[in-house]
Amino acid sequence: MLEGTLRFRFADGSIEVSAGGTMFVPAGVAHTYEAVNARYLIILTPRLDALIKALQSERDRARHPAIYSEHESELLE
């Protein structure tokens, strides 16, 4: 974390990471996060990088579940 806070939410709870902190989410662990006035560095696998790029380029949110499936991921909410 460079500035601000990231709030990570998991099935069994949540964690806040503030400036100077780090977070590692293992492969296969369902999670989401929210940036609160944050600047952060994220390191992704090539598959997740492609997933995020595909989601960001698709304006029709109804297509998002299919995009997750195409990238071997699952949208839980």
N, C-alpha and C. Protein backbone atom coordinates (compact mmCIF):
# COMPACT_ATOMS: atom_id res chain seq x y z
N MET A 1 0.84 -1.17 0.00
CA MET A 1 0.00 0.00 0.00
C MET A 1 0.88 1.23 0.00
N LEU A 2 0.57 2.13 -0.94
CA LEU A 2 1.33 3.37 -1.01
C LEU A 2 0.66 4.47 -0.19
N GLU A 3 -0.66 4.58 -0.36
CA GLU A 3 -1.43 5.59 0.38
C GLU A 3 -2.83 5.05 0.61
N GLY A 4 -3.50 5.54 1.65
CA GLY A 4 -4.89 5.19 1.90
C GLY A 4 -5.06 3.81 2.49
N THR A 5 -6.20 3.20 2.17
CA THR A 5 -6.56 1.90 2.75
C THR A 5 -7.22 1.01 1.71
N LEU A 6 -6.92 -0.27 1.76
CA LEU A 6 -7.66 -1.29 1.01
C LEU A 6 -8.39 -2.15 2.02
N ARG A 7 -9.68 -2.37 1.78
CA ARG A 7 -10.48 -3.26 2.63
C ARG A 7 -10.71 -4.55 1.85
N PHE A 8 -10.17 -5.63 2.35
CA PHE A 8 -10.35 -6.95 1.73
C PHE A 8 -11.46 -7.68 2.48
N ARG A 9 -12.34 -8.32 1.72
CA ARG A 9 -13.41 -9.09 2.33
C ARG A 9 -13.30 -10.54 1.85
N PHE A 10 -13.37 -11.45 2.80
CA PHE A 10 -13.32 -12.89 2.55
C PHE A 10 -14.57 -13.53 3.14
N ALA A 11 -14.80 -14.79 2.87
CA ALA A 11 -15.98 -15.49 3.39
C ALA A 11 -16.01 -15.48 4.92
N ASP A 12 -14.83 -15.52 5.54
CA ASP A 12 -14.78 -15.62 7.00
C ASP A 12 -14.38 -14.32 7.70
N GLY A 13 -14.40 -13.19 6.99
CA GLY A 13 -14.08 -11.93 7.64
C GLY A 13 -13.48 -10.91 6.70
N SER A 14 -12.91 -9.87 7.29
CA SER A 14 -12.32 -8.81 6.48
C SER A 14 -11.03 -8.32 7.13
N ILE A 15 -10.20 -7.67 6.30
CA ILE A 15 -8.92 -7.13 6.75
C ILE A 15 -8.75 -5.77 6.07
N GLU A 16 -8.26 -4.80 6.83
CA GLU A 16 -7.90 -3.51 6.25
C GLU A 16 -6.38 -3.42 6.20
N VAL A 17 -5.87 -2.95 5.07
CA VAL A 17 -4.44 -2.76 4.89
C VAL A 17 -4.21 -1.29 4.60
N SER A 18 -3.35 -0.67 5.38
CA SER A 18 -3.09 0.76 5.21
C SER A 18 -1.69 0.99 4.65
N ALA A 19 -1.36 2.26 4.42
CA ALA A 19 -0.07 2.65 3.83
C ALA A 19 1.09 1.94 4.52
N GLY A 20 1.98 1.39 3.72
CA GLY A 20 3.13 0.67 4.23
C GLY A 20 2.89 -0.82 4.40
N GLY A 21 1.61 -1.25 4.36
CA GLY A 21 1.28 -2.66 4.54
C GLY A 21 1.27 -3.42 3.23
N THR A 22 1.21 -4.73 3.34
CA THR A 22 1.11 -5.61 2.17
C THR A 22 0.00 -6.63 2.41
N MET A 23 -0.45 -7.24 1.33
CA MET A 23 -1.49 -8.27 1.40
C MET A 23 -1.20 -9.31 0.34
N PHE A 24 -1.30 -10.57 0.71
CA PHE A 24 -1.16 -11.67 -0.24
C PHE A 24 -2.43 -12.50 -0.17
N VAL A 25 -3.07 -12.69 -1.33
CA VAL A 25 -4.26 -13.53 -1.41
C VAL A 25 -3.89 -14.76 -2.23
N PRO A 26 -3.87 -15.94 -1.63
CA PRO A 26 -3.50 -17.14 -2.36
C PRO A 26 -4.49 -17.47 -3.49
N ALA A 27 -4.00 -18.15 -4.48
CA ALA A 27 -4.84 -18.58 -5.60
C ALA A 27 -6.01 -19.40 -5.07
N GLY A 28 -7.19 -19.14 -5.62
CA GLY A 28 -8.37 -19.91 -5.27
C GLY A 28 -9.14 -19.39 -4.08
N VAL A 29 -8.64 -18.35 -3.41
CA VAL A 29 -9.34 -17.79 -2.25
C VAL A 29 -10.29 -16.70 -2.73
N ALA A 30 -11.59 -16.92 -2.54
CA ALA A 30 -12.59 -15.94 -2.95
C ALA A 30 -12.44 -14.67 -2.11
N HIS A 31 -12.44 -13.53 -2.80
CA HIS A 31 -12.29 -12.26 -2.09
C HIS A 31 -12.76 -11.11 -2.97
N THR A 32 -12.90 -9.98 -2.34
CA THR A 32 -13.12 -8.73 -3.03
C THR A 32 -12.39 -7.66 -2.23
N TYR A 33 -12.19 -6.50 -2.85
CA TYR A 33 -11.57 -5.43 -2.08
C TYR A 33 -12.11 -4.09 -2.52
N GLU A 34 -11.98 -3.13 -1.63
CA GLU A 34 -12.44 -1.76 -1.88
C GLU A 34 -11.29 -0.83 -1.56
N ALA A 35 -10.99 0.08 -2.48
CA ALA A 35 -9.95 1.08 -2.27
C ALA A 35 -10.57 2.33 -1.66
N VAL A 36 -10.00 2.80 -0.55
CA VAL A 36 -10.48 4.00 0.13
C VAL A 36 -9.38 5.05 0.04
N ASN A 37 -9.58 6.02 -0.87
CA ASN A 37 -8.55 7.05 -1.10
C ASN A 37 -7.17 6.43 -1.19
N ALA A 38 -7.04 5.42 -2.04
CA ALA A 38 -5.83 4.61 -2.05
C ALA A 38 -5.05 4.70 -3.35
N ARG A 39 -3.76 4.56 -3.18
CA ARG A 39 -2.84 4.28 -4.28
C ARG A 39 -2.12 3.02 -3.87
N TYR A 40 -2.08 2.04 -4.78
CA TYR A 40 -1.49 0.76 -4.41
C TYR A 40 -0.87 0.10 -5.62
N LEU A 41 0.01 -0.82 -5.37
CA LEU A 41 0.66 -1.62 -6.39
C LEU A 41 0.07 -3.02 -6.30
N ILE A 42 -0.37 -3.55 -7.44
CA ILE A 42 -0.93 -4.90 -7.44
C ILE A 42 -0.15 -5.75 -8.44
N ILE A 43 0.16 -6.95 -8.05
CA ILE A 43 0.88 -7.89 -8.92
C ILE A 43 -0.09 -9.02 -9.23
N LEU A 44 -0.31 -9.23 -10.54
CA LEU A 44 -1.29 -10.22 -11.00
C LEU A 44 -0.63 -11.29 -11.85
N THR A 45 -1.25 -12.45 -11.87
CA THR A 45 -0.85 -13.47 -12.84
C THR A 45 -1.33 -13.03 -14.22
N PRO A 46 -0.76 -13.55 -15.29
CA PRO A 46 -1.22 -13.18 -16.63
C PRO A 46 -2.72 -13.46 -16.83
N ARG A 47 -3.23 -14.54 -16.26
CA ARG A 47 -4.66 -14.87 -16.42
C ARG A 47 -5.54 -13.80 -15.77
N LEU A 48 -5.19 -13.38 -14.56
CA LEU A 48 -5.99 -12.36 -13.89
C LEU A 48 -5.86 -11.00 -14.56
N ASP A 49 -4.68 -10.70 -15.08
CA ASP A 49 -4.50 -9.46 -15.83
C ASP A 49 -5.42 -9.45 -17.05
N ALA A 50 -5.50 -10.56 -17.77
CA ALA A 50 -6.38 -10.66 -18.94
C ALA A 50 -7.85 -10.54 -18.53
N LEU A 51 -8.22 -11.15 -17.41
CA LEU A 51 -9.60 -11.06 -16.91
C LEU A 51 -9.97 -9.62 -16.64
N ILE A 52 -9.13 -8.91 -15.91
CA ILE A 52 -9.44 -7.52 -15.56
C ILE A 52 -9.53 -6.65 -16.81
N LYS A 53 -8.62 -6.84 -17.76
CA LYS A 53 -8.68 -6.07 -19.00
C LYS A 53 -9.97 -6.35 -19.76
N ALA A 54 -10.38 -7.62 -19.82
CA ALA A 54 -11.63 -7.97 -20.50
C ALA A 54 -12.83 -7.36 -19.81
N LEU A 55 -12.86 -7.40 -18.49
CA LEU A 55 -13.98 -6.81 -17.75
C LEU A 55 -14.04 -5.30 -17.95
N GLN A 56 -12.90 -4.65 -17.94
CA GLN A 56 -12.87 -3.19 -18.11
C GLN A 56 -13.26 -2.76 -19.51
N SER A 57 -13.03 -3.61 -20.51
CA SER A 57 -13.36 -3.23 -21.88
C SER A 57 -14.80 -3.58 -22.27
N GLU A 58 -15.50 -4.35 -21.45
CA GLU A 58 -16.88 -4.76 -21.74
C GLU A 58 -17.85 -3.83 -21.03
N ARG A 59 -18.61 -3.06 -21.80
CA ARG A 59 -19.57 -2.12 -21.22
C ARG A 59 -20.86 -2.80 -20.77
N ASP A 60 -21.17 -3.94 -21.38
CA ASP A 60 -22.40 -4.66 -21.04
C ASP A 60 -22.12 -5.57 -19.84
N ARG A 61 -22.54 -5.13 -18.65
CA ARG A 61 -22.27 -5.88 -17.43
C ARG A 61 -22.95 -7.25 -17.44
N ALA A 62 -23.95 -7.43 -18.25
CA ALA A 62 -24.60 -8.74 -18.36
C ALA A 62 -23.64 -9.79 -18.92
N ARG A 63 -22.58 -9.34 -19.60
CA ARG A 63 -21.58 -10.26 -20.15
C ARG A 63 -20.50 -10.65 -19.14
N HIS A 64 -20.46 -9.98 -18.01
CA HIS A 64 -19.39 -10.24 -17.05
C HIS A 64 -19.32 -11.69 -16.57
N PRO A 65 -20.44 -12.33 -16.24
CA PRO A 65 -20.33 -13.74 -15.82
C PRO A 65 -19.66 -14.62 -16.88
N ALA A 66 -19.96 -14.38 -18.14
CA ALA A 66 -19.33 -15.17 -19.21
C ALA A 66 -17.84 -14.87 -19.30
N ILE A 67 -17.47 -13.62 -19.10
CA ILE A 67 -16.05 -13.25 -19.14
C ILE A 67 -15.30 -13.93 -18.00
N TYR A 68 -15.89 -13.95 -16.80
CA TYR A 68 -15.25 -14.67 -15.70
C TYR A 68 -15.04 -16.14 -16.08
N SER A 69 -16.05 -16.75 -16.64
CA SER A 69 -15.95 -18.16 -17.02
C SER A 69 -14.85 -18.38 -18.07
N GLU A 70 -14.77 -17.48 -19.05
CA GLU A 70 -13.75 -17.59 -20.09
C GLU A 70 -12.34 -17.51 -19.52
N HIS A 71 -12.19 -16.88 -18.36
CA HIS A 71 -10.88 -16.71 -17.74
C HIS A 71 -10.71 -17.61 -16.50
N GLU A 72 -11.47 -18.69 -16.46
CA GLU A 72 -11.36 -19.69 -15.39
C GLU A 72 -11.52 -19.08 -14.01
N SER A 73 -12.46 -18.14 -13.90
CA SER A 73 -12.78 -17.49 -12.63
C SER A 73 -14.28 -17.52 -12.44
N GLU A 74 -14.73 -17.16 -11.25
CA GLU A 74 -16.16 -17.19 -10.94
C GLU A 74 -16.55 -15.93 -10.19
N LEU A 75 -17.63 -15.29 -10.64
CA LEU A 75 -18.17 -14.14 -9.96
C LEU A 75 -19.13 -14.65 -8.90
N LEU A 76 -18.86 -14.37 -7.64
CA LEU A 76 -19.67 -14.91 -6.55
C LEU A 76 -20.80 -14.01 -6.15
N GLU A 77 -20.72 -12.70 -6.35
CA GLU A 77 -21.80 -11.78 -5.98
C GLU A 77 -22.30 -11.06 -7.20
